[in-house]
Amino acid sequence: KATVDDFHRLGITRVEQLVGKEAAVLLSRLQS
């Protein structure tokens, strides 16, 4: 649930939106 919440903060609501993403970039954006 916490990761789903983090994905939602990042604007990711569907599995297919993860395709092509970079985990380090997502983490950096989430920290910001």
PDB file of all heavy atoms in Angstrom:
ATOM      1  N   LYS A   1       0.814  -1.217   0.000  1.00  0.00           N
ATOM      2  CA  LYS A   1       0.000   0.000   0.000  1.00  0.00           C
ATOM      3  C   LYS A   1       0.851   1.274   0.000  1.00  0.00           C
ATOM      4  O   LYS A   1       0.548   2.226  -0.718  1.00  0.00           O
ATOM      5  CB  LYS A   1      -0.963  -0.006   1.186  1.00  0.00           C
ATOM      6  CG  LYS A   1      -1.887   1.207   1.193  1.00  0.00           C
ATOM      7  CD  LYS A   1      -2.784   1.240   2.388  1.00  0.00           C
ATOM      8  CE  LYS A   1      -3.682   2.439   2.459  1.00  0.00           C
ATOM      9  NZ  LYS A   1      -3.278   3.654   1.821  1.00  0.00           N
ATOM     10  N   ALA A   2       1.920   1.296   0.783  1.00  0.00           N
ATOM     11  CA  ALA A   2       2.770   2.495   0.849  1.00  0.00           C
ATOM     12  C   ALA A   2       3.403   2.781  -0.512  1.00  0.00           C
ATOM     13  O   ALA A   2       3.490   3.944  -0.934  1.00  0.00           O
ATOM     14  CB  ALA A   2       3.847   2.337   1.914  1.00  0.00           C
ATOM     15  N   THR A   3       3.824   1.736  -1.212  1.00  0.00           N
ATOM     16  CA  THR A   3       4.427   1.931  -2.539  1.00  0.00           C
ATOM     17  C   THR A   3       3.373   2.398  -3.532  1.00  0.00           C
ATOM     18  O   THR A   3       3.643   3.271  -4.361  1.00  0.00           O
ATOM     19  CB  THR A   3       5.118   0.646  -3.033  1.00  0.00           C
ATOM     20  OG1 THR A   3       6.116   0.270  -2.066  1.00  0.00           O
ATOM     21  CG2 THR A   3       5.772   0.846  -4.379  1.00  0.00           C
ATOM     22  N   VAL A   4       2.181   1.836  -3.450  1.00  0.00           N
ATOM     23  CA  VAL A   4       1.091   2.294  -4.321  1.00  0.00           C
ATOM     24  C   VAL A   4       0.839   3.779  -4.075  1.00  0.00           C
ATOM     25  O   VAL A   4       0.694   4.563  -5.020  1.00  0.00           O
ATOM     26  CB  VAL A   4      -0.192   1.458  -4.115  1.00  0.00           C
ATOM     27  CG1 VAL A   4      -1.373   2.095  -4.831  1.00  0.00           C
ATOM     28  CG2 VAL A   4       0.018   0.027  -4.594  1.00  0.00           C
ATOM     29  N   ASP A   5       0.814   4.180  -2.799  1.00  0.00           N
ATOM     30  CA  ASP A   5       0.624   5.593  -2.466  1.00  0.00           C
ATOM     31  C   ASP A   5       1.744   6.445  -3.075  1.00  0.00           C
ATOM     32  O   ASP A   5       1.487   7.524  -3.609  1.00  0.00           O
ATOM     33  CB  ASP A   5       0.576   5.798  -0.955  1.00  0.00           C
ATOM     34  CG  ASP A   5      -0.688   5.231  -0.318  1.00  0.00           C
ATOM     35  OD1 ASP A   5      -1.661   4.931  -1.051  1.00  0.00           O
ATOM     36  OD2 ASP A   5      -0.692   5.082   0.922  1.00  0.00           O
ATOM     37  N   ASP A   6       2.977   5.954  -2.990  1.00  0.00           N
ATOM     38  CA  ASP A   6       4.107   6.684  -3.579  1.00  0.00           C
ATOM     39  C   ASP A   6       3.966   6.788  -5.094  1.00  0.00           C
ATOM     40  O   ASP A   6       4.201   7.851  -5.675  1.00  0.00           O
ATOM     41  CB  ASP A   6       5.438   6.010  -3.225  1.00  0.00           C
ATOM     42  CG  ASP A   6       5.824   6.197  -1.765  1.00  0.00           C
ATOM     43  OD1 ASP A   6       5.316   7.142  -1.127  1.00  0.00           O
ATOM     44  OD2 ASP A   6       6.645   5.396  -1.276  1.00  0.00           O
ATOM     45  N   PHE A   7       3.572   5.700  -5.738  1.00  0.00           N
ATOM     46  CA  PHE A   7       3.357   5.743  -7.192  1.00  0.00           C
ATOM     47  C   PHE A   7       2.284   6.787  -7.525  1.00  0.00           C
ATOM     48  O   PHE A   7       2.443   7.550  -8.478  1.00  0.00           O
ATOM     49  CB  PHE A   7       2.963   4.379  -7.749  1.00  0.00           C
ATOM     50  CG  PHE A   7       4.107   3.409  -7.920  1.00  0.00           C
ATOM     51  CD1 PHE A   7       3.917   2.054  -7.709  1.00  0.00           C
ATOM     52  CD2 PHE A   7       5.359   3.832  -8.318  1.00  0.00           C
ATOM     53  CE1 PHE A   7       4.945   1.151  -7.887  1.00  0.00           C
ATOM     54  CE2 PHE A   7       6.404   2.944  -8.491  1.00  0.00           C
ATOM     55  CZ  PHE A   7       6.195   1.588  -8.272  1.00  0.00           C
ATOM     56  N   HIS A   8       1.214   6.816  -6.752  1.00  0.00           N
ATOM     57  CA  HIS A   8       0.149   7.795  -7.003  1.00  0.00           C
ATOM     58  C   HIS A   8       0.678   9.219  -6.865  1.00  0.00           C
ATOM     59  O   HIS A   8       0.334  10.090  -7.675  1.00  0.00           O
ATOM     60  CB  HIS A   8      -1.038   7.551  -6.079  1.00  0.00           C
ATOM     61  CG  HIS A   8      -1.835   6.345  -6.455  1.00  0.00           C
ATOM     62  ND1 HIS A   8      -2.929   5.916  -5.740  1.00  0.00           N
ATOM     63  CD2 HIS A   8      -1.703   5.457  -7.481  1.00  0.00           C
ATOM     64  CE1 HIS A   8      -3.433   4.831  -6.308  1.00  0.00           C
ATOM     65  NE2 HIS A   8      -2.703   4.534  -7.362  1.00  0.00           N
ATOM     66  N   ARG A   9       1.533   9.466  -5.866  1.00  0.00           N
ATOM     67  CA  ARG A   9       2.152  10.799  -5.719  1.00  0.00           C
ATOM     68  C   ARG A   9       2.945  11.171  -6.965  1.00  0.00           C
ATOM     69  O   ARG A   9       3.061  12.342  -7.317  1.00  0.00           O
ATOM     70  CB  ARG A   9       3.092  10.821  -4.518  1.00  0.00           C
ATOM     71  CG  ARG A   9       2.423  11.010  -3.207  1.00  0.00           C
ATOM     72  CD  ARG A   9       3.455  11.185  -2.087  1.00  0.00           C
ATOM     73  NE  ARG A   9       2.815  11.062  -0.804  1.00  0.00           N
ATOM     74  CZ  ARG A   9       2.817   9.965  -0.055  1.00  0.00           C
ATOM     75  NH1 ARG A   9       3.462   8.893  -0.451  1.00  0.00           N
ATOM     76  NH2 ARG A   9       2.186   9.933   1.092  1.00  0.00           N
ATOM     77  N   LEU A  10       3.507  10.145  -7.602  1.00  0.00           N
ATOM     78  CA  LEU A  10       4.310  10.346  -8.808  1.00  0.00           C
ATOM     79  C   LEU A  10       3.449  10.389 -10.076  1.00  0.00           C
ATOM     80  O   LEU A  10       3.978  10.516 -11.182  1.00  0.00           O
ATOM     81  CB  LEU A  10       5.360   9.231  -8.928  1.00  0.00           C
ATOM     82  CG  LEU A  10       6.455   9.251  -7.863  1.00  0.00           C
ATOM     83  CD1 LEU A  10       7.197   7.921  -7.828  1.00  0.00           C
ATOM     84  CD2 LEU A  10       7.416  10.407  -8.123  1.00  0.00           C
ATOM     85  N   GLY A  11       2.142  10.249  -9.922  1.00  0.00           N
ATOM     86  CA  GLY A  11       1.245  10.283 -11.079  1.00  0.00           C
ATOM     87  C   GLY A  11       1.102   8.951 -11.787  1.00  0.00           C
ATOM     88  O   GLY A  11       0.568   8.882 -12.893  1.00  0.00           O
ATOM     89  N   ILE A  12       1.558   7.887 -11.150  1.00  0.00           N
ATOM     90  CA  ILE A  12       1.479   6.546 -11.733  1.00  0.00           C
ATOM     91  C   ILE A  12       0.324   5.812 -11.070  1.00  0.00           C
ATOM     92  O   ILE A  12       0.347   5.564  -9.863  1.00  0.00           O
ATOM     93  CB  ILE A  12       2.803   5.781 -11.529  1.00  0.00           C
ATOM     94  CG1 ILE A  12       3.933   6.501 -12.263  1.00  0.00           C
ATOM     95  CG2 ILE A  12       2.670   4.327 -11.982  1.00  0.00           C
ATOM     96  CD1 ILE A  12       5.324   6.023 -11.902  1.00  0.00           C
ATOM     97  N   THR A  13      -0.686   5.479 -11.875  1.00  0.00           N
ATOM     98  CA  THR A  13      -1.873   4.808 -11.340  1.00  0.00           C
ATOM     99  C   THR A  13      -2.133   3.454 -11.988  1.00  0.00           C
ATOM    100  O   THR A  13      -3.005   2.717 -11.528  1.00  0.00           O
ATOM    101  CB  THR A  13      -3.117   5.699 -11.525  1.00  0.00           C
ATOM    102  OG1 THR A  13      -3.286   5.977 -12.920  1.00  0.00           O
ATOM    103  CG2 THR A  13      -2.980   7.005 -10.737  1.00  0.00           C
ATOM    104  N   ARG A  14      -1.389   3.153 -13.051  1.00  0.00           N
ATOM    105  CA  ARG A  14      -1.577   1.892 -13.777  1.00  0.00           C
ATOM    106  C   ARG A  14      -0.224   1.221 -14.023  1.00  0.00           C
ATOM    107  O   ARG A  14       0.789   1.903 -14.207  1.00  0.00           O
ATOM    108  CB  ARG A  14      -2.257   2.146 -15.114  1.00  0.00           C
ATOM    109  CG  ARG A  14      -3.658   2.743 -14.989  1.00  0.00           C
ATOM    110  CD  ARG A  14      -4.369   2.917 -16.340  1.00  0.00           C
ATOM    111  NE  ARG A  14      -3.510   3.318 -17.442  1.00  0.00           N
ATOM    112  CZ  ARG A  14      -3.169   4.578 -17.747  1.00  0.00           C
ATOM    113  NH1 ARG A  14      -3.599   5.583 -17.005  1.00  0.00           N
ATOM    114  NH2 ARG A  14      -2.405   4.838 -18.782  1.00  0.00           N
ATOM    115  N   VAL A  15      -0.215  -0.099 -14.042  1.00  0.00           N
ATOM    116  CA  VAL A  15       1.018  -0.871 -14.238  1.00  0.00           C
ATOM    117  C   VAL A  15       1.731  -0.456 -15.520  1.00  0.00           C
ATOM    118  O   VAL A  15       2.951  -0.253 -15.524  1.00  0.00           O
ATOM    119  CB  VAL A  15       0.715  -2.390 -14.243  1.00  0.00           C
ATOM    120  CG1 VAL A  15       1.929  -3.194 -14.664  1.00  0.00           C
ATOM    121  CG2 VAL A  15       0.234  -2.838 -12.866  1.00  0.00           C
ATOM    122  N   GLU A  16       0.999  -0.273 -16.604  1.00  0.00           N
ATOM    123  CA  GLU A  16       1.637   0.034 -17.885  1.00  0.00           C
ATOM    124  C   GLU A  16       2.379   1.378 -17.859  1.00  0.00           C
ATOM    125  O   GLU A  16       3.278   1.607 -18.680  1.00  0.00           O
ATOM    126  CB  GLU A  16       0.660  -0.040 -19.056  1.00  0.00           C
ATOM    127  CG  GLU A  16      -0.512   0.898 -18.974  1.00  0.00           C
ATOM    128  CD  GLU A  16      -1.760   0.278 -18.360  1.00  0.00           C
ATOM    129  OE1 GLU A  16      -1.674  -0.726 -17.642  1.00  0.00           O
ATOM    130  OE2 GLU A  16      -2.842   0.840 -18.599  1.00  0.00           O
ATOM    131  N   GLN A  17       2.051   2.248 -16.917  1.00  0.00           N
ATOM    132  CA  GLN A  17       2.757   3.524 -16.810  1.00  0.00           C
ATOM    133  C   GLN A  17       4.181   3.357 -16.282  1.00  0.00           C
ATOM    134  O   GLN A  17       4.992   4.281 -16.387  1.00  0.00           O
ATOM    135  CB  GLN A  17       1.992   4.489 -15.898  1.00  0.00           C
ATOM    136  CG  GLN A  17       0.701   4.984 -16.503  1.00  0.00           C
ATOM    137  CD  GLN A  17      -0.073   5.829 -15.518  1.00  0.00           C
ATOM    138  OE1 GLN A  17      -0.544   5.330 -14.496  1.00  0.00           O
ATOM    139  NE2 GLN A  17      -0.179   7.115 -15.827  1.00  0.00           N
ATOM    140  N   LEU A  18       4.495   2.196 -15.736  1.00  0.00           N
ATOM    141  CA  LEU A  18       5.846   1.941 -15.230  1.00  0.00           C
ATOM    142  C   LEU A  18       6.826   1.571 -16.345  1.00  0.00           C
ATOM    143  O   LEU A  18       8.040   1.714 -16.169  1.00  0.00           O
ATOM    144  CB  LEU A  18       5.817   0.810 -14.196  1.00  0.00           C
ATOM    145  CG  LEU A  18       5.142   1.136 -12.871  1.00  0.00           C
ATOM    146  CD1 LEU A  18       4.936  -0.139 -12.059  1.00  0.00           C
ATOM    147  CD2 LEU A  18       5.982   2.141 -12.101  1.00  0.00           C
ATOM    148  N   VAL A  19       6.309   1.109 -17.457  1.00  0.00           N
ATOM    149  CA  VAL A  19       7.166   0.668 -18.555  1.00  0.00           C
ATOM    150  C   VAL A  19       8.056   1.820 -19.028  1.00  0.00           C
ATOM    151  O   VAL A  19       7.582   2.926 -19.291  1.00  0.00           O
ATOM    152  CB  VAL A  19       6.324   0.107 -19.726  1.00  0.00           C
ATOM    153  CG1 VAL A  19       7.207  -0.226 -20.923  1.00  0.00           C
ATOM    154  CG2 VAL A  19       5.540  -1.122 -19.271  1.00  0.00           C
ATOM    155  N   GLY A  20       9.360   1.537 -19.075  1.00  0.00           N
ATOM    156  CA  GLY A  20      10.322   2.526 -19.553  1.00  0.00           C
ATOM    157  C   GLY A  20      10.798   3.504 -18.493  1.00  0.00           C
ATOM    158  O   GLY A  20      11.644   4.358 -18.770  1.00  0.00           O
ATOM    159  N   LYS A  21      10.275   3.410 -17.282  1.00  0.00           N
ATOM    160  CA  LYS A  21      10.685   4.319 -16.205  1.00  0.00           C
ATOM    161  C   LYS A  21      12.027   3.864 -15.621  1.00  0.00           C
ATOM    162  O   LYS A  21      12.419   2.710 -15.745  1.00  0.00           O
ATOM    163  CB  LYS A  21       9.634   4.359 -15.095  1.00  0.00           C
ATOM    164  CG  LYS A  21       8.284   4.893 -15.516  1.00  0.00           C
ATOM    165  CD  LYS A  21       8.319   6.386 -15.742  1.00  0.00           C
ATOM    166  CE  LYS A  21       6.957   7.009 -15.876  1.00  0.00           C
ATOM    167  NZ  LYS A  21       6.386   7.021 -17.183  1.00  0.00           N
ATOM    168  N   GLU A  22      12.713   4.793 -14.958  1.00  0.00           N
ATOM    169  CA  GLU A  22      13.961   4.496 -14.265  1.00  0.00           C
ATOM    170  C   GLU A  22      13.726   4.666 -12.777  1.00  0.00           C
ATOM    171  O   GLU A  22      13.290   5.731 -12.328  1.00  0.00           O
ATOM    172  CB  GLU A  22      15.064   5.424 -14.734  1.00  0.00           C
ATOM    173  CG  GLU A  22      15.481   5.171 -16.179  1.00  0.00           C
ATOM    174  CD  GLU A  22      16.649   6.042 -16.594  1.00  0.00           C
ATOM    175  OE1 GLU A  22      17.546   6.291 -15.755  1.00  0.00           O
ATOM    176  OE2 GLU A  22      16.654   6.482 -17.745  1.00  0.00           O
ATOM    177  N   ALA A  23      14.036   3.617 -12.026  1.00  0.00           N
ATOM    178  CA  ALA A  23      13.767   3.620 -10.589  1.00  0.00           C
ATOM    179  C   ALA A  23      14.484   4.757  -9.870  1.00  0.00           C
ATOM    180  O   ALA A  23      13.899   5.395  -8.988  1.00  0.00           O
ATOM    181  CB  ALA A  23      14.163   2.274  -9.992  1.00  0.00           C
ATOM    182  N   ALA A  24      15.722   5.031 -10.227  1.00  0.00           N
ATOM    183  CA  ALA A  24      16.485   6.096  -9.561  1.00  0.00           C
ATOM    184  C   ALA A  24      15.835   7.458  -9.793  1.00  0.00           C
ATOM    185  O   ALA A  24      15.791   8.301  -8.887  1.00  0.00           O
ATOM    186  CB  ALA A  24      17.931   6.103 -10.040  1.00  0.00           C
ATOM    187  N   VAL A  25      15.312   7.667 -10.981  1.00  0.00           N
ATOM    188  CA  VAL A  25      14.643   8.931 -11.300  1.00  0.00           C
ATOM    189  C   VAL A  25      13.353   9.057 -10.490  1.00  0.00           C
ATOM    190  O   VAL A  25      13.050  10.119  -9.947  1.00  0.00           O
ATOM    191  CB  VAL A  25      14.373   9.040 -12.819  1.00  0.00           C
ATOM    192  CG1 VAL A  25      13.499  10.246 -13.143  1.00  0.00           C
ATOM    193  CG2 VAL A  25      15.684   9.093 -13.592  1.00  0.00           C
ATOM    194  N   LEU A  26      12.592   7.961 -10.409  1.00  0.00           N
ATOM    195  CA  LEU A  26      11.361   7.989  -9.620  1.00  0.00           C
ATOM    196  C   LEU A  26      11.663   8.281  -8.156  1.00  0.00           C
ATOM    197  O   LEU A  26      10.963   9.075  -7.519  1.00  0.00           O
ATOM    198  CB  LEU A  26      10.606   6.662  -9.749  1.00  0.00           C
ATOM    199  CG  LEU A  26      10.014   6.334 -11.115  1.00  0.00           C
ATOM    200  CD1 LEU A  26       9.328   4.967 -11.081  1.00  0.00           C
ATOM    201  CD2 LEU A  26       9.047   7.404 -11.577  1.00  0.00           C
ATOM    202  N   LEU A  27      12.712   7.660  -7.620  1.00  0.00           N
ATOM    203  CA  LEU A  27      13.075   7.902  -6.228  1.00  0.00           C
ATOM    204  C   LEU A  27      13.451   9.365  -6.014  1.00  0.00           C
ATOM    205  O   LEU A  27      13.007   9.994  -5.051  1.00  0.00           O
ATOM    206  CB  LEU A  27      14.224   6.994  -5.798  1.00  0.00           C
ATOM    207  CG  LEU A  27      14.708   7.197  -4.356  1.00  0.00           C
ATOM    208  CD1 LEU A  27      13.595   6.908  -3.352  1.00  0.00           C
ATOM    209  CD2 LEU A  27      15.928   6.340  -4.082  1.00  0.00           C
ATOM    210  N   SER A  28      14.225   9.918  -6.909  1.00  0.00           N
ATOM    211  CA  SER A  28      14.633  11.322  -6.805  1.00  0.00           C
ATOM    212  C   SER A  28      13.412  12.246  -6.831  1.00  0.00           C
ATOM    213  O   SER A  28      13.305  13.181  -6.022  1.00  0.00           O
ATOM    214  CB  SER A  28      15.592  11.672  -7.936  1.00  0.00           C
ATOM    215  OG  SER A  28      15.971  13.008  -7.875  1.00  0.00           O
ATOM    216  N   ARG A  29      12.488  11.980  -7.748  1.00  0.00           N
ATOM    217  CA  ARG A  29      11.260  12.787  -7.833  1.00  0.00           C
ATOM    218  C   ARG A  29      10.435  12.673  -6.558  1.00  0.00           C
ATOM    219  O   ARG A  29       9.905  13.663  -6.057  1.00  0.00           O
ATOM    220  CB  ARG A  29      10.425  12.364  -9.040  1.00  0.00           C
ATOM    221  CG  ARG A  29      10.970  12.864 -10.371  1.00  0.00           C
ATOM    222  CD  ARG A  29      10.089  12.506 -11.560  1.00  0.00           C
ATOM    223  NE  ARG A  29       8.681  12.791 -11.338  1.00  0.00           N
ATOM    224  CZ  ARG A  29       7.688  12.032 -11.795  1.00  0.00           C
ATOM    225  NH1 ARG A  29       7.940  10.949 -12.500  1.00  0.00           N
ATOM    226  NH2 ARG A  29       6.436  12.364 -11.568  1.00  0.00           N
ATOM    227  N   LEU A  30      10.337  11.455  -6.023  1.00  0.00           N
ATOM    228  CA  LEU A  30       9.560  11.237  -4.810  1.00  0.00           C
ATOM    229  C   LEU A  30      10.184  11.978  -3.625  1.00  0.00           C
ATOM    230  O   LEU A  30       9.474  12.583  -2.826  1.00  0.00           O
ATOM    231  CB  LEU A  30       9.442   9.739  -4.510  1.00  0.00           C
ATOM    232  CG  LEU A  30       8.564   9.361  -3.327  1.00  0.00           C
ATOM    233  CD1 LEU A  30       7.125   9.833  -3.531  1.00  0.00           C
ATOM    234  CD2 LEU A  30       8.612   7.856  -3.104  1.00  0.00           C
ATOM    235  N   GLN A  31      11.505  11.945  -3.540  1.00  0.00           N
ATOM    236  CA  GLN A  31      12.187  12.666  -2.458  1.00  0.00           C
ATOM    237  C   GLN A  31      11.895  14.165  -2.561  1.00  0.00           C
ATOM    238  O   GLN A  31      11.667  14.825  -1.540  1.00  0.00           O
ATOM    239  CB  GLN A  31      13.695  12.402  -2.490  1.00  0.00           C
ATOM    240  CG  GLN A  31      14.032  10.992  -2.076  1.00  0.00           C
ATOM    241  CD  GLN A  31      15.505  10.657  -2.094  1.00  0.00           C
ATOM    242  OE1 GLN A  31      15.974   9.996  -1.194  1.00  0.00           O
ATOM    243  NE2 GLN A  31      16.237  11.091  -3.091  1.00  0.00           N
ATOM    244  N   SER A  32      11.888  14.687  -3.773  1.00  0.00           N
ATOM    245  CA  SER A  32      11.565  16.110  -3.968  1.00  0.00           C
ATOM    246  C   SER A  32      10.129  16.407  -3.556  1.00  0.00           C
ATOM    247  O   SER A  32       9.869  17.411  -2.884  1.00  0.00           O
ATOM    248  CB  SER A  32      11.776  16.511  -5.425  1.00  0.00           C
ATOM    249  OG  SER A  32      13.136  16.463  -5.765  1.00  0.00           O
TER     250      SER A  32
END
